[in-house]
């Protein structure tokens, strides 16, 4: 094996180890339910319904999504999986949505949903998908859902989209960026839209 092929092999191996290690902190029961062809991108735990048990949001993606985007001109979607814990400690895949996490090519110069702690948030039966970009352009697009105990489902709560532009102020203490625009979409007073049926496209 020549040096180039050896380096490529080692890089692939290390990527595989990283993905396995990242996913390894998830319960084995959840890892076993990750759809074929996908890998864990990010996850967050918290109480998503009213049973006081720890649940999980798991974002998954295709490992070669950037290559697919370059070859086809369109990146594959990144599903968000909602796992609910059962009384016996196992987890059930309760819901899936392929249209709330932005694809790798939807952020311009950088990924709008990087692997890490900032992409997903859970609090008091609400959860938020936090798409954002801070290179070239600056914007955030936060989509929130809430658990409805009557419907026993998660429904669209609100979406807040903001852009940020350079501050022209000559004040040396002024912030570098100021709010350029803000758009609010609310689910209040409208027919409920279930998490599985909501699309940010």
N, C-alpha and C. Protein backbone atom coordinates (compact mmCIF):
# COMPACT_ATOMS: atom_id res chain seq x y z
N UNK A 1 0.86 -1.20 0.00
CA UNK A 1 0.00 0.00 0.00
C UNK A 1 0.89 1.24 0.00
N UNK A 2 0.75 2.10 -1.02
CA UNK A 2 1.60 3.28 -1.08
C UNK A 2 1.18 4.30 -0.03
N UNK A 3 2.01 5.34 0.15
CA UNK A 3 1.78 6.32 1.22
C UNK A 3 0.43 7.01 1.09
N UNK A 4 0.04 7.36 -0.14
CA UNK A 4 -1.23 8.07 -0.34
C UNK A 4 -2.41 7.20 0.06
N UNK A 5 -2.39 5.95 -0.41
CA UNK A 5 -3.48 5.04 -0.08
C UNK A 5 -3.50 4.74 1.42
N UNK A 6 -2.31 4.64 2.02
CA UNK A 6 -2.23 4.38 3.45
C UNK A 6 -2.82 5.52 4.25
N UNK A 7 -2.49 6.77 3.86
CA UNK A 7 -3.04 7.93 4.56
C UNK A 7 -4.55 8.01 4.41
N UNK A 8 -5.05 7.70 3.21
CA UNK A 8 -6.50 7.71 2.98
C UNK A 8 -7.17 6.66 3.84
N UNK A 9 -6.53 5.49 3.95
CA UNK A 9 -7.08 4.41 4.77
C UNK A 9 -7.15 4.82 6.24
N UNK A 10 -6.06 5.43 6.73
CA UNK A 10 -6.02 5.85 8.13
C UNK A 10 -7.05 6.93 8.41
N UNK A 11 -7.22 7.87 7.46
CA UNK A 11 -8.22 8.93 7.63
C UNK A 11 -9.61 8.35 7.72
N UNK A 12 -9.93 7.39 6.83
CA UNK A 12 -11.24 6.74 6.85
C UNK A 12 -11.45 6.00 8.16
N UNK A 13 -10.40 5.32 8.62
CA UNK A 13 -10.49 4.57 9.87
C UNK A 13 -10.76 5.49 11.04
N UNK A 14 -10.02 6.62 11.09
CA UNK A 14 -10.20 7.57 12.18
C UNK A 14 -11.60 8.17 12.17
N UNK A 15 -12.12 8.47 10.97
CA UNK A 15 -13.48 9.02 10.86
C UNK A 15 -14.48 8.02 11.41
N UNK A 16 -14.26 6.75 11.10
CA UNK A 16 -15.16 5.72 11.59
C UNK A 16 -15.10 5.58 13.09
N UNK A 17 -13.88 5.69 13.66
CA UNK A 17 -13.73 5.60 15.11
C UNK A 17 -14.42 6.77 15.78
N UNK A 18 -14.26 7.99 15.21
CA UNK A 18 -14.90 9.18 15.78
C UNK A 18 -16.41 9.03 15.81
N UNK A 19 -16.98 8.57 14.68
CA UNK A 19 -18.43 8.43 14.60
C UNK A 19 -18.92 7.41 15.60
N UNK A 20 -18.20 6.29 15.70
CA UNK A 20 -18.60 5.24 16.64
C UNK A 20 -18.52 5.74 18.07
N UNK A 21 -17.45 6.48 18.37
CA UNK A 21 -17.29 6.99 19.73
C UNK A 21 -18.38 7.99 20.07
N UNK A 22 -18.71 8.85 19.10
CA UNK A 22 -19.74 9.87 19.32
C UNK A 22 -21.10 9.20 19.57
N UNK A 23 -21.41 8.21 18.74
CA UNK A 23 -22.69 7.53 18.88
C UNK A 23 -22.70 6.61 20.08
N UNK A 24 -21.50 6.20 20.52
CA UNK A 24 -21.42 5.20 21.59
C UNK A 24 -21.97 5.67 22.91
N UNK A 25 -22.09 6.99 23.12
CA UNK A 25 -22.63 7.48 24.38
C UNK A 25 -24.16 7.48 24.38
N UNK A 26 -24.75 7.20 23.25
CA UNK A 26 -26.19 7.02 23.18
C UNK A 26 -26.55 5.62 23.69
N UNK A 27 -27.76 5.42 24.23
CA UNK A 27 -28.17 4.07 24.61
C UNK A 27 -28.09 3.12 23.42
N UNK A 28 -27.64 1.89 23.66
CA UNK A 28 -27.49 0.90 22.58
C UNK A 28 -28.81 0.67 21.85
N UNK A 29 -29.91 0.75 22.59
CA UNK A 29 -31.22 0.53 21.98
C UNK A 29 -31.53 1.59 20.92
N UNK A 30 -31.03 2.80 21.13
CA UNK A 30 -31.22 3.87 20.14
C UNK A 30 -30.29 3.67 18.96
N UNK A 31 -29.02 3.36 19.23
CA UNK A 31 -28.05 3.15 18.16
C UNK A 31 -28.54 2.07 17.19
N UNK A 32 -29.17 1.05 17.74
CA UNK A 32 -29.68 -0.04 16.91
C UNK A 32 -30.83 0.36 16.02
N UNK A 33 -31.44 1.53 16.27
CA UNK A 33 -32.57 1.98 15.47
C UNK A 33 -32.22 3.10 14.49
N UNK A 34 -30.93 3.46 14.41
CA UNK A 34 -30.51 4.47 13.44
C UNK A 34 -30.74 3.91 12.04
N UNK A 35 -31.42 4.65 11.16
CA UNK A 35 -31.70 4.13 9.81
C UNK A 35 -30.44 3.72 9.06
N UNK A 36 -30.55 2.68 8.26
CA UNK A 36 -29.43 2.19 7.47
C UNK A 36 -28.89 3.30 6.56
N UNK A 37 -27.58 3.42 6.49
CA UNK A 37 -26.96 4.42 5.62
C UNK A 37 -26.73 5.75 6.29
N UNK A 38 -27.15 5.90 7.56
CA UNK A 38 -26.98 7.16 8.28
C UNK A 38 -26.06 6.98 9.48
N UNK A 39 -25.47 8.10 9.90
CA UNK A 39 -24.64 8.15 11.09
C UNK A 39 -25.14 9.28 11.99
N UNK A 40 -24.82 9.17 13.28
CA UNK A 40 -25.24 10.20 14.24
C UNK A 40 -24.44 11.48 14.00
N UNK A 41 -25.14 12.58 13.87
CA UNK A 41 -24.52 13.89 13.71
C UNK A 41 -24.50 14.65 15.02
N UNK A 42 -25.62 14.63 15.74
CA UNK A 42 -25.74 15.33 17.01
C UNK A 42 -26.92 14.75 17.77
N UNK A 43 -26.94 14.96 19.08
CA UNK A 43 -28.09 14.50 19.86
C UNK A 43 -28.23 15.32 21.13
N UNK A 44 -29.40 15.25 21.73
CA UNK A 44 -29.69 15.96 22.97
C UNK A 44 -30.68 15.14 23.78
N UNK A 45 -30.49 15.07 25.07
CA UNK A 45 -31.42 14.33 25.92
C UNK A 45 -32.20 15.30 26.80
N UNK A 46 -33.40 14.89 27.20
CA UNK A 46 -34.26 15.70 28.04
C UNK A 46 -35.64 15.08 28.06
N UNK A 47 -36.54 15.70 28.80
CA UNK A 47 -37.91 15.17 28.88
C UNK A 47 -38.75 15.80 27.77
N UNK A 48 -39.19 14.98 26.84
CA UNK A 48 -39.93 15.48 25.68
C UNK A 48 -41.44 15.32 25.82
N UNK A 49 -41.88 14.50 26.79
CA UNK A 49 -43.32 14.38 27.03
C UNK A 49 -43.57 14.52 28.53
N UNK A 50 -44.64 13.94 29.04
CA UNK A 50 -44.99 14.18 30.44
C UNK A 50 -44.83 12.95 31.33
N UNK A 51 -43.92 12.02 30.96
CA UNK A 51 -43.77 10.81 31.77
C UNK A 51 -42.56 10.85 32.70
N UNK A 52 -41.84 11.98 32.71
CA UNK A 52 -40.69 12.19 33.59
C UNK A 52 -39.54 11.22 33.32
N UNK A 53 -39.45 10.69 32.11
CA UNK A 53 -38.35 9.83 31.70
C UNK A 53 -37.47 10.56 30.69
N UNK A 54 -36.20 10.21 30.65
CA UNK A 54 -35.26 10.88 29.74
C UNK A 54 -35.47 10.40 28.31
N UNK A 55 -35.68 11.34 27.41
CA UNK A 55 -35.88 11.04 25.99
C UNK A 55 -34.70 11.62 25.20
N UNK A 56 -34.67 11.34 23.89
CA UNK A 56 -33.57 11.81 23.06
C UNK A 56 -34.05 12.36 21.73
N UNK A 57 -33.41 13.46 21.31
CA UNK A 57 -33.47 13.92 19.93
C UNK A 57 -32.15 13.52 19.30
N UNK A 58 -32.21 12.89 18.13
CA UNK A 58 -30.99 12.44 17.47
C UNK A 58 -31.01 12.92 16.02
N UNK A 59 -30.02 13.73 15.66
CA UNK A 59 -29.86 14.18 14.28
C UNK A 59 -28.92 13.21 13.58
N UNK A 60 -29.30 12.75 12.39
CA UNK A 60 -28.47 11.83 11.63
C UNK A 60 -28.20 12.39 10.24
N UNK A 61 -27.14 11.88 9.61
CA UNK A 61 -26.78 12.36 8.28
C UNK A 61 -26.03 11.28 7.53
N UNK A 62 -25.88 11.49 6.23
CA UNK A 62 -25.06 10.61 5.41
C UNK A 62 -23.60 11.02 5.61
N UNK A 63 -22.73 10.05 5.83
CA UNK A 63 -21.32 10.36 6.08
C UNK A 63 -20.68 11.07 4.89
N UNK A 64 -21.15 10.77 3.69
CA UNK A 64 -20.57 11.37 2.48
C UNK A 64 -21.46 12.46 1.90
N UNK A 65 -22.19 13.17 2.76
CA UNK A 65 -23.15 14.16 2.29
C UNK A 65 -22.50 15.28 1.48
N UNK A 66 -21.29 15.69 1.85
CA UNK A 66 -20.61 16.76 1.11
C UNK A 66 -20.25 16.30 -0.30
N UNK A 67 -19.80 15.07 -0.41
CA UNK A 67 -19.47 14.52 -1.73
C UNK A 67 -20.71 14.40 -2.59
N UNK A 68 -21.81 13.94 -1.99
CA UNK A 68 -23.07 13.83 -2.72
C UNK A 68 -23.51 15.20 -3.22
N UNK A 69 -23.39 16.21 -2.37
CA UNK A 69 -23.77 17.58 -2.75
C UNK A 69 -22.93 18.08 -3.91
N UNK A 70 -21.64 17.80 -3.87
CA UNK A 70 -20.74 18.26 -4.94
C UNK A 70 -21.03 17.56 -6.26
N UNK A 71 -21.37 16.28 -6.20
CA UNK A 71 -21.58 15.50 -7.42
C UNK A 71 -22.96 15.73 -8.04
N UNK A 72 -23.97 15.91 -7.18
CA UNK A 72 -25.34 16.00 -7.68
C UNK A 72 -25.90 17.42 -7.66
N UNK A 73 -25.25 18.31 -6.92
CA UNK A 73 -25.77 19.66 -6.80
C UNK A 73 -26.85 19.80 -5.74
N UNK A 74 -27.12 18.72 -5.00
CA UNK A 74 -28.13 18.76 -3.94
C UNK A 74 -27.72 17.82 -2.81
N UNK A 75 -27.59 18.36 -1.61
CA UNK A 75 -27.19 17.56 -0.47
C UNK A 75 -28.36 16.74 0.06
N UNK A 76 -28.09 15.55 0.60
CA UNK A 76 -29.17 14.74 1.19
C UNK A 76 -29.69 15.39 2.46
N UNK A 77 -30.94 15.10 2.78
CA UNK A 77 -31.56 15.64 3.98
C UNK A 77 -30.95 15.02 5.23
N UNK A 78 -31.14 15.71 6.37
CA UNK A 78 -30.64 15.25 7.66
C UNK A 78 -31.84 15.00 8.57
N UNK A 79 -32.25 13.77 8.72
CA UNK A 79 -33.42 13.47 9.55
C UNK A 79 -33.18 13.79 11.03
N UNK A 80 -34.25 14.23 11.69
CA UNK A 80 -34.24 14.39 13.14
C UNK A 80 -35.17 13.32 13.70
N UNK A 81 -34.62 12.47 14.57
CA UNK A 81 -35.36 11.35 15.15
C UNK A 81 -35.70 11.66 16.60
N UNK A 82 -36.93 11.36 16.99
CA UNK A 82 -37.39 11.62 18.35
C UNK A 82 -37.63 10.27 19.03
N UNK A 83 -36.82 9.98 20.04
CA UNK A 83 -36.91 8.71 20.77
C UNK A 83 -37.51 8.93 22.16
N UNK A 84 -38.52 8.14 22.48
CA UNK A 84 -39.17 8.21 23.78
C UNK A 84 -38.79 6.99 24.61
N UNK A 85 -38.44 7.23 25.87
CA UNK A 85 -38.05 6.13 26.74
C UNK A 85 -39.29 5.39 27.27
N UNK A 86 -39.21 4.09 27.26
CA UNK A 86 -40.27 3.24 27.80
C UNK A 86 -40.01 2.96 29.27
N UNK A 87 -41.00 2.44 29.97
CA UNK A 87 -40.86 2.18 31.40
C UNK A 87 -39.79 1.14 31.71
N UNK A 88 -39.45 0.29 30.73
CA UNK A 88 -38.43 -0.74 30.95
C UNK A 88 -37.02 -0.26 30.58
N UNK A 89 -36.89 1.03 30.25
CA UNK A 89 -35.59 1.59 29.94
C UNK A 89 -35.20 1.53 28.47
N UNK A 90 -36.00 0.88 27.65
CA UNK A 90 -35.73 0.86 26.21
C UNK A 90 -36.32 2.12 25.58
N UNK A 91 -36.00 2.32 24.30
CA UNK A 91 -36.45 3.52 23.60
C UNK A 91 -37.21 3.16 22.33
N UNK A 92 -38.24 3.94 22.07
CA UNK A 92 -39.05 3.78 20.86
C UNK A 92 -38.87 4.99 19.96
N UNK A 93 -38.62 4.74 18.68
CA UNK A 93 -38.57 5.84 17.71
C UNK A 93 -40.00 6.31 17.48
N UNK A 94 -40.35 7.45 18.08
CA UNK A 94 -41.73 7.93 18.05
C UNK A 94 -42.04 8.78 16.83
N UNK A 95 -41.07 9.62 16.41
CA UNK A 95 -41.32 10.55 15.30
C UNK A 95 -40.04 10.77 14.51
N UNK A 96 -40.23 11.18 13.25
CA UNK A 96 -39.09 11.52 12.39
C UNK A 96 -39.50 12.67 11.48
N UNK A 97 -38.57 13.61 11.29
CA UNK A 97 -38.79 14.71 10.37
C UNK A 97 -37.50 14.95 9.58
N UNK A 98 -37.61 14.98 8.27
CA UNK A 98 -36.45 15.17 7.40
C UNK A 98 -36.31 16.61 6.91
N UNK A 99 -37.13 17.53 7.43
CA UNK A 99 -37.18 18.88 6.85
C UNK A 99 -37.06 20.01 7.87
N UNK A 100 -36.41 19.76 9.00
CA UNK A 100 -36.21 20.84 9.98
C UNK A 100 -34.74 21.14 10.21
N UNK A 101 -33.87 20.19 9.94
CA UNK A 101 -32.43 20.44 10.01
C UNK A 101 -31.95 20.80 8.61
N UNK A 102 -31.28 21.93 8.48
CA UNK A 102 -30.83 22.38 7.17
C UNK A 102 -29.70 21.48 6.66
N UNK A 103 -29.68 21.27 5.35
CA UNK A 103 -28.67 20.42 4.72
C UNK A 103 -27.31 21.12 4.71
N UNK A 104 -26.27 20.33 4.45
CA UNK A 104 -24.90 20.83 4.53
C UNK A 104 -24.63 21.96 3.53
N UNK A 105 -25.39 22.02 2.43
CA UNK A 105 -25.16 23.06 1.41
C UNK A 105 -26.13 24.23 1.52
N UNK A 106 -26.87 24.33 2.61
CA UNK A 106 -27.86 25.40 2.75
C UNK A 106 -27.36 26.57 3.60
N UNK A 107 -26.07 26.56 3.91
CA UNK A 107 -25.54 27.64 4.74
C UNK A 107 -24.57 28.55 4.03
N UNK A 108 -24.47 28.39 2.71
CA UNK A 108 -23.52 29.23 1.98
C UNK A 108 -22.10 28.72 2.18
N UNK A 109 -21.27 29.49 2.86
CA UNK A 109 -19.86 29.13 3.03
C UNK A 109 -19.63 28.09 4.13
N UNK A 110 -20.59 27.88 5.00
CA UNK A 110 -20.36 26.93 6.10
C UNK A 110 -21.62 26.14 6.42
N UNK A 111 -21.43 25.09 7.19
CA UNK A 111 -22.50 24.17 7.55
C UNK A 111 -23.48 24.87 8.51
N UNK A 112 -24.78 24.90 8.21
CA UNK A 112 -25.74 25.57 9.08
C UNK A 112 -26.14 24.76 10.31
N UNK A 113 -25.68 23.51 10.38
CA UNK A 113 -26.00 22.69 11.56
C UNK A 113 -24.79 21.83 11.87
N UNK A 114 -23.85 22.40 12.58
CA UNK A 114 -22.62 21.67 12.91
C UNK A 114 -22.88 20.68 14.03
N UNK A 115 -22.07 19.62 14.03
CA UNK A 115 -22.08 18.66 15.12
C UNK A 115 -21.68 19.38 16.40
N UNK A 116 -22.46 19.21 17.47
CA UNK A 116 -22.12 19.85 18.73
C UNK A 116 -23.34 20.12 19.57
N UNK A 117 -23.17 20.92 20.63
CA UNK A 117 -24.22 21.16 21.60
C UNK A 117 -25.21 22.25 21.19
N UNK A 118 -24.86 23.05 20.20
CA UNK A 118 -25.66 24.22 19.88
C UNK A 118 -26.82 23.94 18.92
N UNK A 119 -26.83 22.79 18.28
CA UNK A 119 -27.84 22.54 17.25
C UNK A 119 -29.22 22.18 17.77
N UNK A 120 -29.28 21.57 18.97
CA UNK A 120 -30.55 21.12 19.52
C UNK A 120 -30.69 21.60 20.96
N UNK A 121 -31.92 21.94 21.36
CA UNK A 121 -32.18 22.37 22.73
C UNK A 121 -33.52 21.78 23.18
N UNK A 122 -33.57 21.38 24.45
CA UNK A 122 -34.80 20.82 25.04
C UNK A 122 -35.05 21.51 26.37
N UNK A 123 -36.30 21.97 26.60
CA UNK A 123 -36.64 22.58 27.88
C UNK A 123 -38.15 22.54 28.09
N UNK A 124 -38.57 21.94 29.20
CA UNK A 124 -39.98 21.95 29.62
C UNK A 124 -40.93 21.48 28.52
N UNK A 125 -40.64 20.32 27.91
CA UNK A 125 -41.49 19.73 26.88
C UNK A 125 -41.45 20.49 25.55
N UNK A 126 -40.57 21.48 25.46
CA UNK A 126 -40.33 22.19 24.20
C UNK A 126 -38.97 21.75 23.66
N UNK A 127 -38.83 21.69 22.35
CA UNK A 127 -37.50 21.48 21.80
C UNK A 127 -37.31 22.35 20.56
N UNK A 128 -36.07 22.76 20.34
CA UNK A 128 -35.75 23.70 19.27
C UNK A 128 -34.61 23.19 18.41
N UNK A 129 -34.77 23.33 17.10
CA UNK A 129 -33.71 23.05 16.14
C UNK A 129 -33.08 24.39 15.81
N UNK A 130 -31.76 24.52 16.04
CA UNK A 130 -31.08 25.80 15.92
C UNK A 130 -30.14 25.78 14.72
N UNK A 131 -30.67 26.18 13.56
CA UNK A 131 -29.84 26.34 12.37
C UNK A 131 -29.25 27.74 12.38
N UNK A 132 -27.95 27.86 12.06
CA UNK A 132 -27.34 29.19 12.08
C UNK A 132 -26.05 29.20 11.26
N UNK A 133 -25.68 30.39 10.81
CA UNK A 133 -24.45 30.59 10.03
C UNK A 133 -23.77 31.86 10.53
N UNK A 134 -22.44 31.79 10.65
CA UNK A 134 -21.68 32.97 11.08
C UNK A 134 -20.40 33.08 10.28
N UNK A 135 -20.49 32.81 8.98
CA UNK A 135 -19.32 32.99 8.10
C UNK A 135 -19.85 33.47 6.75
N UNK A 136 -19.27 34.54 6.25
CA UNK A 136 -19.78 35.15 5.03
C UNK A 136 -21.00 35.98 5.37
N UNK A 137 -22.12 35.33 5.58
CA UNK A 137 -23.33 36.00 6.07
C UNK A 137 -23.59 35.52 7.50
N UNK A 138 -24.48 36.22 8.18
CA UNK A 138 -24.80 35.87 9.56
C UNK A 138 -26.32 35.77 9.71
N UNK A 139 -26.80 34.59 10.05
CA UNK A 139 -28.24 34.43 10.26
C UNK A 139 -28.52 33.27 11.20
N UNK A 140 -29.69 33.30 11.79
CA UNK A 140 -30.16 32.20 12.64
C UNK A 140 -31.58 31.86 12.21
N UNK A 141 -31.91 30.58 12.36
CA UNK A 141 -33.26 30.11 12.01
C UNK A 141 -33.63 29.03 13.03
N UNK A 142 -34.39 29.43 14.04
CA UNK A 142 -34.74 28.54 15.15
C UNK A 142 -36.19 28.08 15.02
N UNK A 143 -36.39 26.76 15.05
CA UNK A 143 -37.73 26.18 14.90
C UNK A 143 -38.06 25.41 16.17
N UNK A 144 -39.18 25.75 16.80
CA UNK A 144 -39.54 25.16 18.09
C UNK A 144 -40.85 24.39 18.01
N UNK A 145 -40.88 23.25 18.71
CA UNK A 145 -42.06 22.41 18.82
C UNK A 145 -42.37 22.19 20.29
N UNK A 146 -43.63 21.92 20.59
CA UNK A 146 -44.02 21.66 21.98
C UNK A 146 -44.89 20.41 22.05
N UNK A 147 -44.83 19.76 23.19
CA UNK A 147 -45.63 18.56 23.40
C UNK A 147 -47.03 18.97 23.83
N UNK A 148 -48.03 18.42 23.16
CA UNK A 148 -49.43 18.67 23.49
C UNK A 148 -49.99 17.40 24.14
N UNK A 149 -50.25 17.43 25.46
CA UNK A 149 -50.72 16.22 26.14
C UNK A 149 -52.08 15.74 25.66
N UNK A 150 -52.92 16.65 25.17
CA UNK A 150 -54.23 16.23 24.67
C UNK A 150 -54.09 15.46 23.36
N UNK A 151 -53.23 15.94 22.50
CA UNK A 151 -53.01 15.27 21.23
C UNK A 151 -52.00 14.14 21.35
N UNK A 152 -51.26 14.14 22.47
CA UNK A 152 -50.17 13.18 22.68
C UNK A 152 -49.21 13.21 21.49
N UNK A 153 -48.87 14.44 21.11
CA UNK A 153 -48.00 14.63 19.95
C UNK A 153 -47.25 15.95 20.12
N UNK A 154 -46.22 16.14 19.30
CA UNK A 154 -45.42 17.36 19.30
C UNK A 154 -45.88 18.21 18.13
N UNK A 155 -46.20 19.45 18.40
CA UNK A 155 -46.74 20.31 17.36
C UNK A 155 -45.88 21.56 17.20
N UNK A 156 -45.96 22.17 16.02
CA UNK A 156 -45.20 23.38 15.74
C UNK A 156 -45.60 24.50 16.68
N UNK A 157 -44.62 25.15 17.29
CA UNK A 157 -44.87 26.25 18.22
C UNK A 157 -44.52 27.60 17.59
N UNK A 158 -43.26 27.74 17.13
CA UNK A 158 -42.88 28.98 16.46
C UNK A 158 -41.57 28.81 15.71
N UNK A 159 -41.33 29.72 14.79
CA UNK A 159 -40.08 29.78 14.05
C UNK A 159 -39.61 31.22 14.02
N UNK A 160 -38.38 31.45 14.43
CA UNK A 160 -37.82 32.80 14.45
C UNK A 160 -36.59 32.82 13.55
N UNK A 161 -36.64 33.65 12.51
CA UNK A 161 -35.53 33.78 11.57
C UNK A 161 -34.97 35.20 11.66
N UNK A 162 -33.67 35.30 11.86
CA UNK A 162 -33.03 36.62 11.98
C UNK A 162 -31.77 36.69 11.11
N UNK A 163 -31.52 37.86 10.57
CA UNK A 163 -30.27 38.12 9.86
C UNK A 163 -29.53 39.22 10.60
N UNK A 164 -28.20 39.19 10.49
CA UNK A 164 -27.36 40.17 11.17
C UNK A 164 -26.41 40.80 10.16
N UNK A 165 -26.22 42.11 10.28
CA UNK A 165 -25.37 42.85 9.33
C UNK A 165 -24.32 43.64 10.09
N UNK A 166 -23.29 44.07 9.37
CA UNK A 166 -22.22 44.85 10.00
C UNK A 166 -22.76 46.17 10.53
N UNK A 167 -22.28 46.55 11.68
CA UNK A 167 -22.69 47.80 12.30
C UNK A 167 -21.84 48.95 11.75
N UNK A 168 -22.49 49.97 11.20
CA UNK A 168 -21.79 51.12 10.64
C UNK A 168 -21.45 52.19 11.67
N UNK A 169 -21.80 51.95 12.92
CA UNK A 169 -21.54 52.94 13.96
C UNK A 169 -20.04 53.19 14.13
N UNK A 170 -19.68 54.43 14.39
CA UNK A 170 -18.28 54.79 14.62
C UNK A 170 -17.92 54.69 16.10
N UNK A 171 -18.88 54.32 16.91
CA UNK A 171 -18.63 54.15 18.34
C UNK A 171 -17.72 52.94 18.55
N UNK A 172 -16.55 53.10 19.16
CA UNK A 172 -15.63 51.98 19.34
C UNK A 172 -16.19 50.88 20.26
N UNK A 173 -17.20 51.22 21.05
CA UNK A 173 -17.79 50.24 21.96
C UNK A 173 -19.04 49.57 21.38
N UNK A 174 -19.37 49.94 20.15
CA UNK A 174 -20.58 49.38 19.52
C UNK A 174 -20.35 47.92 19.14
N UNK A 175 -21.44 47.16 19.10
CA UNK A 175 -21.36 45.77 18.67
C UNK A 175 -20.98 45.70 17.19
N UNK A 176 -20.26 44.66 16.83
CA UNK A 176 -19.82 44.51 15.43
C UNK A 176 -20.99 44.25 14.50
N UNK A 177 -22.01 43.55 15.00
CA UNK A 177 -23.17 43.21 14.18
C UNK A 177 -24.44 43.78 14.80
N UNK A 178 -25.38 44.13 13.96
CA UNK A 178 -26.69 44.57 14.42
C UNK A 178 -27.76 43.78 13.67
N UNK A 179 -28.94 43.73 14.24
CA UNK A 179 -30.04 42.98 13.63
C UNK A 179 -30.44 43.61 12.30
N UNK A 180 -30.45 42.78 11.25
CA UNK A 180 -30.85 43.28 9.94
C UNK A 180 -32.33 43.06 9.69
N UNK A 181 -32.81 41.87 9.99
CA UNK A 181 -34.23 41.58 9.81
C UNK A 181 -34.64 40.47 10.78
N UNK A 182 -35.92 40.41 11.06
CA UNK A 182 -36.45 39.38 11.96
C UNK A 182 -37.83 38.97 11.47
N UNK A 183 -38.04 37.66 11.36
CA UNK A 183 -39.34 37.16 10.92
C UNK A 183 -39.83 36.11 11.91
N UNK A 184 -41.06 36.26 12.37
CA UNK A 184 -41.64 35.33 13.33
C UNK A 184 -42.82 34.61 12.69
N UNK A 185 -42.80 33.31 12.77
CA UNK A 185 -43.93 32.47 12.34
C UNK A 185 -44.44 31.74 13.58
N UNK A 186 -45.68 31.94 13.92
CA UNK A 186 -46.23 31.35 15.14
C UNK A 186 -47.32 30.33 14.81
N UNK A 187 -47.37 29.29 15.61
CA UNK A 187 -48.42 28.29 15.46
C UNK A 187 -49.63 28.60 16.30
N UNK A 188 -49.56 29.65 17.12
CA UNK A 188 -50.65 30.00 18.02
C UNK A 188 -51.88 30.43 17.23
N UNK A 189 -53.05 29.92 17.62
CA UNK A 189 -54.30 30.29 16.98
C UNK A 189 -54.52 29.66 15.63
N UNK A 190 -53.67 28.72 15.24
CA UNK A 190 -53.80 28.04 13.95
C UNK A 190 -54.01 26.54 14.18
N UNK A 191 -54.51 25.83 13.18
CA UNK A 191 -54.62 24.37 13.32
C UNK A 191 -53.25 23.78 13.63
N UNK A 192 -53.17 22.86 14.58
CA UNK A 192 -51.87 22.31 14.96
C UNK A 192 -51.19 21.56 13.82
N UNK A 193 -49.90 21.80 13.68
CA UNK A 193 -49.10 21.10 12.67
C UNK A 193 -48.16 20.14 13.40
N UNK A 194 -48.35 18.84 13.25
CA UNK A 194 -47.48 17.88 13.94
C UNK A 194 -46.04 17.98 13.47
N UNK A 195 -45.13 17.65 14.37
CA UNK A 195 -43.70 17.67 14.08
C UNK A 195 -43.38 16.92 12.80
N UNK A 196 -43.94 15.75 12.61
CA UNK A 196 -43.64 14.93 11.43
C UNK A 196 -44.06 15.58 10.12
N UNK A 197 -45.04 16.48 10.17
CA UNK A 197 -45.56 17.07 8.95
C UNK A 197 -45.03 18.47 8.67
N UNK A 198 -44.30 19.04 9.62
CA UNK A 198 -43.78 20.40 9.41
C UNK A 198 -42.58 20.39 8.48
N UNK A 199 -42.53 21.37 7.58
CA UNK A 199 -41.40 21.50 6.67
C UNK A 199 -40.87 22.93 6.70
N UNK A 200 -39.55 23.06 6.86
CA UNK A 200 -38.92 24.37 6.84
C UNK A 200 -38.48 24.76 5.43
N UNK A 201 -38.72 23.91 4.47
CA UNK A 201 -38.30 24.16 3.08
C UNK A 201 -39.05 25.36 2.50
